[in-house]
Amino acid sequence: MLIFDIGGASVGAAIALFGENEPPFVVHAERHWLEPIQEVSMERLEGLLETAIDTISTEMLSVGAKRLSASGYGARLPSVIHCFLTAPWYAPHTDTVRLSSEKPFAVTKALLARAVARERAALEETIARTSGLVVLEHQVISLSANGYESENPFGKDASELEFFTYTALAEQRILDRFGSRIRRTFHADEVGMHSFLLAFFSSVRDIPGGDADFLLVDVSGEVTEVSVVKGGRLSESVSFPLGRNFLSRALAEGCGISCREALSLLTVHFSHHGNEDFTRRFLPAISRAEKEWMCGFEECLSRIAGEAFLPHTTFVAADHEIAPWITTAIQNEALYQHTLTAKPFVVNLADGKMFDSYVRFGPGVKKDPFLMVDALFINKIKMKNDN
């Protein structure tokens, strides 16, 4: 299958092979990063991403096809395409639906399918009337019968069935714009569209021995998305408009340099290779940026926590240039108040090391953690469909 990963600062793509009872095998992967723009313009960003899609597509046609052929599958590229979008290209929505009766009823797949279809139809009618958005994806992510969660309650009797749904909403214009750009190069009848959040949640939750309660933090180009998982359920997700591009712009303005130079200096700062003059020049700008980002992050924590405490285990999806900065900011002592133990958040980077055991790569193929998450999610869908 062919995978595209479209964010707010880059476009990645991969050719992956999926076999029964085998981890995904990435034949080729590539990511094209946009030059950080000085001013926020979503229309311009959309255009830059379209150009990046073209660049990546050319890469897949040349190098990707050769590596696919070398793997023994011929040079013909896959016709099955999946595209993953990060915030702000979608808006997440979660809901709990309950079916109950005084008399026990048989729990069947047909019963669940009808209930899910009714829920989706009602949601589509509401959002079409109020926002003009469309359903990008609509998934049941947990099931409970008589109060007990079960992956397979079918064939049993219950007086209450509860299912928890995750829905991603998006502008049809955006889906058409990105989808048609991909189809300009690759002849596919359909491009399956997904939200990165659902794939991120699914991949982290499925790690053996992991916590049932945790936070997900995805730092994209223009936004940071913060989501809370409790009891293995993705319960809420909010975002604020300060992402990777904000950081590069803030540092560029504070130091009088370009956005590209700002990200390079950030890497130098956290590698502890800068001298005293460098630190004096750079530290005030990074401190101001961190303070502003922290305010937005803390506001998100307050919104999703309500009167409860938040899990202290956190998983962060961020590229290698900003990941050290994000990790340091989240572990700031000012955020201790939001955890039950009043201790620092334990930050885990969702990087190549975390998913290394679950996705294989061909010789010389760079491990892209975002594409690894995407591949794991596709593999999970494929296994469910096969069964």
Protein backbone atom coordinates (compact mmCIF):
# COMPACT_ATOMS: atom_id res chain seq x y z
CA MET A 1 0.00 0.00 0.00
CA LEU A 2 0.99 3.62 -0.50
CA ILE A 3 0.83 5.90 2.54
CA PHE A 4 0.75 9.70 2.61
CA ASP A 5 1.14 11.70 5.82
CA ILE A 6 0.14 15.37 5.52
CA GLY A 7 0.80 17.74 8.40
CA GLY A 8 1.16 21.45 8.82
CA ALA A 9 4.88 21.56 8.08
CA SER A 10 5.66 18.51 5.96
CA VAL A 11 4.43 15.71 3.73
CA GLY A 12 5.69 12.17 4.14
CA ALA A 13 5.05 9.08 2.03
CA ALA A 14 5.89 5.41 2.18
CA ILE A 15 5.45 2.20 0.22
CA ALA A 16 4.66 -0.60 2.66
CA LEU A 17 4.01 -4.32 2.35
CA PHE A 18 1.44 -6.02 4.58
CA GLY A 19 1.35 -9.77 5.12
CA GLU A 20 -0.68 -12.05 7.34
CA ASN A 21 0.74 -12.32 10.88
CA GLU A 22 3.72 -10.17 9.90
CA PRO A 23 4.68 -6.61 10.86
CA PRO A 24 4.42 -3.97 8.13
CA PHE A 25 7.52 -3.79 5.93
CA VAL A 26 8.40 -0.31 4.66
CA VAL A 27 10.10 -0.61 1.29
CA HIS A 28 10.70 3.11 0.90
CA ALA A 29 9.91 6.24 2.92
CA GLU A 30 10.56 9.91 2.38
CA ARG A 31 9.49 13.20 3.97
CA HIS A 32 9.60 16.70 2.50
CA TRP A 33 9.73 19.57 4.99
CA LEU A 34 8.35 22.97 4.07
CA GLU A 35 10.38 26.08 4.61
CA PRO A 36 8.81 27.78 7.66
CA ILE A 37 6.72 30.76 6.56
CA GLN A 38 7.02 34.11 8.33
CA GLU A 39 3.28 34.78 8.48
CA VAL A 40 0.34 32.43 9.02
CA SER A 41 -1.64 31.95 5.82
CA MET A 42 -3.68 28.76 5.57
CA GLU A 43 -4.31 29.28 1.85
CA ARG A 44 -0.59 29.59 1.19
CA LEU A 45 0.12 26.60 3.44
CA GLU A 46 -2.35 24.48 1.48
CA GLY A 47 -0.58 25.44 -1.75
CA LEU A 48 2.84 24.60 -0.31
CA LEU A 49 1.59 21.23 0.83
CA GLU A 50 0.21 20.48 -2.63
CA THR A 51 3.65 21.21 -4.08
CA ALA A 52 5.20 18.95 -1.44
CA ILE A 53 2.77 16.18 -2.42
CA ASP A 54 4.02 16.49 -6.01
CA THR A 55 7.65 16.35 -4.85
CA ILE A 56 7.06 13.27 -2.71
CA SER A 57 5.06 11.59 -5.49
CA THR A 58 7.98 12.01 -7.89
CA GLU A 59 10.25 10.44 -5.28
CA MET A 60 7.91 7.46 -4.93
CA LEU A 61 7.78 7.01 -8.72
CA SER A 62 11.55 6.94 -9.05
CA VAL A 63 13.37 5.64 -5.97
CA GLY A 64 10.31 3.96 -4.42
CA ALA A 65 9.53 1.97 -7.56
CA LYS A 66 13.14 0.77 -7.82
CA ARG A 67 13.20 -0.38 -4.20
CA LEU A 68 9.86 -2.12 -4.65
CA SER A 69 11.24 -3.96 -7.66
CA ALA A 70 14.38 -4.91 -5.73
CA SER A 71 12.13 -6.44 -3.05
CA GLY A 72 10.74 -8.82 -5.63
CA TYR A 73 7.35 -7.20 -6.16
CA GLY A 74 7.93 -5.58 -9.52
CA ALA A 75 8.08 -1.85 -10.17
CA ARG A 76 4.34 -1.26 -10.35
CA LEU A 77 3.33 1.00 -7.48
CA PRO A 78 0.37 0.10 -5.24
CA SER A 79 -3.12 1.17 -6.25
CA VAL A 80 -4.34 1.17 -2.64
CA ILE A 81 -3.62 4.56 -1.06
CA HIS A 82 -4.17 5.79 2.49
CA CYS A 83 -3.71 9.42 3.50
CA PHE A 84 -3.34 10.61 7.10
CA LEU A 85 -4.01 14.22 8.08
CA THR A 86 -2.87 15.98 11.23
CA ALA A 87 -4.50 18.96 12.91
CA PRO A 88 -5.62 21.55 11.80
CA TRP A 89 -7.02 19.65 8.79
CA TYR A 90 -9.64 17.90 10.91
CA ALA A 91 -11.59 18.32 14.16
CA PRO A 92 -12.05 15.32 16.51
CA HIS A 93 -15.34 14.42 18.21
CA THR A 94 -16.03 11.67 20.75
CA ASP A 95 -19.35 10.32 22.00
CA THR A 96 -20.85 7.50 24.04
CA VAL A 97 -23.98 5.71 22.82
CA ARG A 98 -26.06 3.41 25.04
CA LEU A 99 -28.70 0.86 24.07
CA SER A 100 -30.75 -0.56 26.93
CA SER A 101 -33.84 -2.68 27.48
CA GLU A 102 -35.69 -4.14 30.45
CA LYS A 103 -35.44 -7.53 28.78
CA PRO A 104 -32.09 -8.95 27.66
CA PHE A 105 -31.42 -8.79 23.92
CA ALA A 106 -28.98 -10.59 21.67
CA VAL A 107 -25.85 -8.58 20.89
CA THR A 108 -25.06 -9.02 17.21
CA LYS A 109 -22.81 -7.34 14.67
CA ALA A 110 -25.93 -6.34 12.71
CA LEU A 111 -27.40 -4.64 15.78
CA LEU A 112 -24.19 -2.70 16.37
CA ALA A 113 -23.90 -1.77 12.68
CA ARG A 114 -27.43 -0.34 12.65
CA ALA A 115 -26.80 1.66 15.83
CA VAL A 116 -23.51 3.04 14.51
CA ALA A 117 -25.14 3.94 11.19
CA ARG A 118 -27.93 5.84 13.00
CA GLU A 119 -25.36 7.68 15.10
CA ARG A 120 -23.31 8.66 12.05
CA ALA A 121 -26.40 9.79 10.10
CA ALA A 122 -27.54 11.98 12.99
CA LEU A 123 -24.06 13.46 13.31
CA GLU A 124 -23.79 14.13 9.57
CA GLU A 125 -27.16 15.87 9.57
CA THR A 126 -26.15 18.05 12.51
CA ILE A 127 -22.73 19.08 11.23
CA ALA A 128 -24.01 19.68 7.70
CA ARG A 129 -26.60 22.05 9.10
CA THR A 130 -24.32 23.89 11.53
CA SER A 131 -20.78 23.79 10.15
CA GLY A 132 -20.61 22.47 6.61
CA LEU A 133 -18.01 19.86 7.61
CA VAL A 134 -18.10 16.23 6.54
CA VAL A 135 -17.22 13.00 8.35
CA LEU A 136 -13.64 12.06 7.60
CA GLU A 137 -13.87 8.86 9.64
CA HIS A 138 -16.22 7.35 12.20
CA GLN A 139 -14.96 4.48 14.34
CA VAL A 140 -16.14 2.48 17.35
CA ILE A 141 -13.12 2.33 19.66
CA SER A 142 -14.60 0.41 22.61
CA LEU A 143 -17.60 -1.77 23.45
CA SER A 144 -19.21 -2.63 26.79
CA ALA A 145 -22.00 -5.11 27.54
CA ASN A 146 -23.72 -4.88 30.93
CA GLY A 147 -20.99 -2.54 32.11
CA TYR A 148 -18.08 -4.80 31.17
CA GLU A 149 -15.79 -3.82 28.35
CA SER A 150 -15.32 -6.53 25.74
CA GLU A 151 -13.73 -6.76 22.32
CA ASN A 152 -16.19 -9.44 21.28
CA PRO A 153 -19.58 -9.31 23.06
CA PHE A 154 -21.37 -10.75 20.02
CA GLY A 155 -23.53 -13.82 20.43
CA LYS A 156 -24.28 -12.99 24.06
CA ASP A 157 -27.38 -11.52 25.74
CA ALA A 158 -27.28 -8.15 27.46
CA SER A 159 -29.70 -5.61 28.87
CA GLU A 160 -27.30 -2.73 28.14
CA LEU A 161 -24.84 -2.18 25.30
CA GLU A 162 -22.54 0.81 25.28
CA PHE A 163 -20.17 1.84 22.53
CA PHE A 164 -17.73 4.69 22.41
CA THR A 165 -17.20 6.43 19.07
CA TYR A 166 -14.51 8.62 17.62
CA THR A 167 -15.33 10.89 14.70
CA ALA A 168 -13.03 13.16 12.73
CA LEU A 169 -14.67 16.05 10.87
CA ALA A 170 -13.07 17.88 7.96
CA GLU A 171 -13.76 20.33 5.16
CA GLN A 172 -14.71 18.54 1.95
CA ARG A 173 -12.68 21.16 0.08
CA ILE A 174 -9.48 20.09 1.87
CA LEU A 175 -10.12 16.40 1.32
CA ASP A 176 -10.78 17.00 -2.37
CA ARG A 177 -7.78 19.25 -2.76
CA PHE A 178 -5.23 16.87 -1.21
CA GLY A 179 -6.87 13.72 -2.57
CA SER A 180 -6.99 14.97 -6.14
CA ARG A 181 -3.35 16.04 -5.93
CA ILE A 182 -2.34 12.50 -4.98
CA ARG A 183 -4.49 11.01 -7.75
CA ARG A 184 -2.80 13.26 -10.33
CA THR A 185 0.23 10.96 -10.07
CA PHE A 186 -1.17 7.69 -8.78
CA HIS A 187 -4.19 6.19 -10.48
CA ALA A 188 -6.39 5.04 -7.62
CA ASP A 189 -10.16 4.91 -7.53
CA GLU A 190 -10.14 6.08 -3.94
CA VAL A 191 -7.76 7.61 -1.43
CA GLY A 192 -8.65 6.46 2.08
CA MET A 193 -8.58 9.46 4.42
CA HIS A 194 -7.74 9.17 8.14
CA SER A 195 -6.89 11.42 11.06
CA PHE A 196 -3.45 10.99 12.59
CA LEU A 197 -4.90 11.23 16.11
CA LEU A 198 -6.81 7.96 15.83
CA ALA A 199 -3.74 6.17 14.47
CA PHE A 200 -1.54 7.70 17.21
CA PHE A 201 -3.99 6.68 19.95
CA SER A 202 -4.39 3.17 18.55
CA SER A 203 -0.64 2.58 18.21
CA VAL A 204 0.19 3.75 21.73
CA ARG A 205 -2.74 1.91 23.35
CA ASP A 206 -1.72 -1.37 21.68
CA ILE A 207 1.82 -1.34 23.12
CA PRO A 208 1.98 -4.37 25.46
CA GLY A 209 2.25 -3.51 29.15
CA GLY A 210 1.39 0.14 28.63
CA ASP A 211 -0.75 2.34 30.87
CA ALA A 212 -4.49 2.60 30.30
CA ASP A 213 -4.34 6.32 31.18
CA PHE A 214 -2.09 8.71 29.28
CA LEU A 215 -1.84 11.97 27.37
CA LEU A 216 -1.10 12.36 23.67
CA VAL A 217 0.63 15.53 22.47
CA ASP A 218 1.02 16.03 18.72
CA VAL A 219 3.00 19.13 17.77
CA SER A 220 2.19 19.82 14.13
CA GLY A 221 3.05 22.76 11.90
CA GLU A 222 0.57 25.37 13.09
CA VAL A 223 -1.11 23.71 16.09
CA THR A 224 -0.47 21.52 19.11
CA GLU A 225 -3.11 18.86 19.76
CA VAL A 226 -3.54 17.56 23.31
CA SER A 227 -5.65 14.46 23.95
CA VAL A 228 -6.44 12.49 27.10
CA VAL A 229 -6.93 8.72 27.27
CA LYS A 230 -8.54 7.24 30.40
CA GLY A 231 -9.27 3.58 30.87
CA GLY A 232 -8.05 2.92 27.35
CA ARG A 233 -10.62 5.35 25.89
CA LEU A 234 -9.80 8.47 23.94
CA SER A 235 -12.09 10.75 25.91
CA GLU A 236 -11.27 14.28 24.75
CA SER A 237 -8.99 16.25 22.47
CA VAL A 238 -8.32 19.98 22.19
CA SER A 239 -5.76 22.07 20.34
CA PHE A 240 -4.19 25.50 20.40
CA PRO A 241 -2.61 27.42 17.49
CA LEU A 242 1.02 27.22 18.58
CA GLY A 243 2.98 24.50 16.85
CA ARG A 244 6.34 23.96 15.20
CA ASN A 245 5.98 26.97 12.93
CA PHE A 246 5.15 29.25 15.87
CA LEU A 247 8.38 28.23 17.54
CA SER A 248 10.50 28.88 14.46
CA ARG A 249 8.83 32.27 13.86
CA ALA A 250 9.19 33.35 17.50
CA LEU A 251 12.88 32.45 17.61
CA ALA A 252 13.54 34.03 14.21
CA GLU A 253 11.96 37.30 15.27
CA GLY A 254 13.65 37.31 18.68
CA CYS A 255 17.12 36.64 17.26
CA GLY A 256 16.87 38.47 13.94
CA ILE A 257 17.49 35.36 11.86
CA SER A 258 15.55 33.20 9.37
CA CYS A 259 13.06 30.54 10.46
CA ARG A 260 15.33 27.82 9.08
CA GLU A 261 18.29 29.16 11.07
CA ALA A 262 16.11 29.35 14.19
CA LEU A 263 15.37 25.62 14.10
CA SER A 264 19.05 24.85 13.52
CA LEU A 265 20.02 26.97 16.52
CA LEU A 266 17.42 25.16 18.60
CA THR A 267 19.19 21.88 17.81
CA VAL A 268 22.54 23.43 18.80
CA HIS A 269 21.06 24.75 22.05
CA PHE A 270 19.81 21.35 23.20
CA SER A 271 22.99 19.59 22.12
CA HIS A 272 24.85 21.91 24.54
CA HIS A 273 27.34 22.90 21.84
CA GLY A 274 26.66 26.63 22.00
CA ASN A 275 29.06 29.07 23.64
CA GLU A 276 28.23 31.77 26.24
CA ASP A 277 27.65 34.47 23.61
CA PHE A 278 25.30 32.16 21.75
CA THR A 279 23.37 31.36 24.95
CA ARG A 280 23.00 35.04 25.91
CA ARG A 281 21.60 35.83 22.48
CA PHE A 282 19.36 32.80 22.11
CA LEU A 283 18.05 32.10 25.64
CA PRO A 284 15.78 35.16 26.03
CA ALA A 285 13.98 34.36 22.77
CA ILE A 286 13.48 30.70 23.62
CA SER A 287 12.29 31.62 27.12
CA ARG A 288 9.64 33.96 25.70
CA ALA A 289 8.49 31.34 23.21
CA GLU A 290 8.35 28.67 25.89
CA LYS A 291 6.30 30.90 28.19
CA GLU A 292 3.73 31.57 25.46
CA TRP A 293 3.52 27.90 24.43
CA MET A 294 3.22 26.84 28.07
CA CYS A 295 0.24 29.17 28.57
CA GLY A 296 -1.59 27.55 25.65
CA PHE A 297 -0.66 24.05 26.80
CA GLU A 298 -1.74 24.65 30.38
CA GLU A 299 -5.06 26.08 29.19
CA CYS A 300 -5.63 22.87 27.20
CA LEU A 301 -4.80 20.76 30.25
CA SER A 302 -7.31 22.70 32.35
CA ARG A 303 -10.02 22.23 29.72
CA ILE A 304 -9.60 18.48 29.35
CA ALA A 305 -9.02 17.83 33.05
CA GLY A 306 -12.03 19.67 34.47
CA GLU A 307 -12.02 18.93 38.19
CA ALA A 308 -10.07 15.68 37.80
CA PHE A 309 -6.34 15.04 37.71
CA LEU A 310 -4.57 14.09 34.50
CA PRO A 311 -2.42 11.02 33.82
CA HIS A 312 1.25 11.78 34.24
CA THR A 313 2.36 9.49 31.39
CA THR A 314 2.64 11.49 28.16
CA PHE A 315 3.45 10.49 24.59
CA VAL A 316 4.75 13.21 22.28
CA ALA A 317 4.73 13.17 18.49
CA ALA A 318 7.20 15.79 17.28
CA ASP A 319 10.10 15.93 14.85
CA HIS A 320 13.66 15.61 16.14
CA GLU A 321 14.40 19.35 15.89
CA ILE A 322 11.74 20.45 18.37
CA ALA A 323 11.25 17.25 20.41
CA PRO A 324 13.86 18.17 23.10
CA TRP A 325 12.28 21.59 23.57
CA ILE A 326 8.75 20.15 23.83
CA THR A 327 9.93 17.53 26.33
CA THR A 328 11.56 20.18 28.54
CA ALA A 329 8.48 22.41 28.41
CA ILE A 330 6.06 19.63 29.39
CA GLN A 331 8.27 18.63 32.33
CA ASN A 332 8.19 22.19 33.70
CA GLU A 333 7.35 22.23 37.41
CA ALA A 334 4.54 24.75 36.76
CA LEU A 335 2.50 21.83 35.36
CA TYR A 336 2.88 19.53 38.39
CA GLN A 337 -0.47 20.71 39.78
CA HIS A 338 -2.34 18.91 36.99
CA THR A 339 -1.09 15.41 37.91
CA LEU A 340 -2.49 13.21 40.65
CA THR A 341 0.97 12.66 42.15
CA ALA A 342 1.97 16.35 41.84
CA LYS A 343 5.10 15.15 40.06
CA PRO A 344 6.54 15.89 36.59
CA PHE A 345 4.88 14.44 33.52
CA VAL A 346 6.75 11.36 32.29
CA VAL A 347 7.40 12.17 28.63
CA ASN A 348 7.84 9.42 26.05
CA LEU A 349 8.84 10.38 22.54
CA ALA A 350 6.83 8.54 19.90
CA ASP A 351 9.90 8.00 17.77
CA GLY A 352 11.48 5.24 15.75
CA LYS A 353 12.78 3.50 18.87
CA MET A 354 9.30 3.20 20.38
CA PHE A 355 7.82 1.44 17.35
CA ASP A 356 10.97 -0.31 16.12
CA SER A 357 9.72 -3.76 17.18
CA TYR A 358 6.46 -3.41 15.27
CA VAL A 359 7.50 -2.04 11.86
CA ARG A 360 10.35 -3.34 9.67
CA PHE A 361 12.30 -1.26 7.14
CA GLY A 362 14.23 -2.11 4.03
CA PRO A 363 17.99 -1.49 3.75
CA GLY A 364 18.87 2.20 3.90
CA VAL A 365 15.27 3.34 4.50
CA LYS A 366 15.00 6.09 7.11
CA LYS A 367 12.67 5.33 10.01
CA ASP A 368 9.95 7.97 10.03
CA PRO A 369 7.91 7.65 13.28
CA PHE A 370 4.80 9.30 11.83
CA LEU A 371 4.72 6.88 8.90
CA MET A 372 5.36 4.01 11.33
CA VAL A 373 2.22 4.98 13.26
CA ASP A 374 0.27 5.19 10.00
CA ALA A 375 1.49 1.75 8.89
CA LEU A 376 0.56 0.17 12.23
CA PHE A 377 -2.96 1.58 11.98
CA ILE A 378 -3.44 0.33 8.41
CA ASN A 379 -2.19 -3.08 9.46
CA LYS A 380 -4.72 -3.16 12.29
CA ILE A 381 -7.58 -2.26 9.94
CA LYS A 382 -6.41 -4.89 7.46
CA MET A 383 -6.33 -7.62 10.13
CA LYS A 384 -9.85 -6.73 11.28
CA ASN A 385 -11.16 -6.81 7.73
CA ASP A 386 -9.44 -10.14 7.06
CA ASN A 387 -11.09 -11.64 10.11
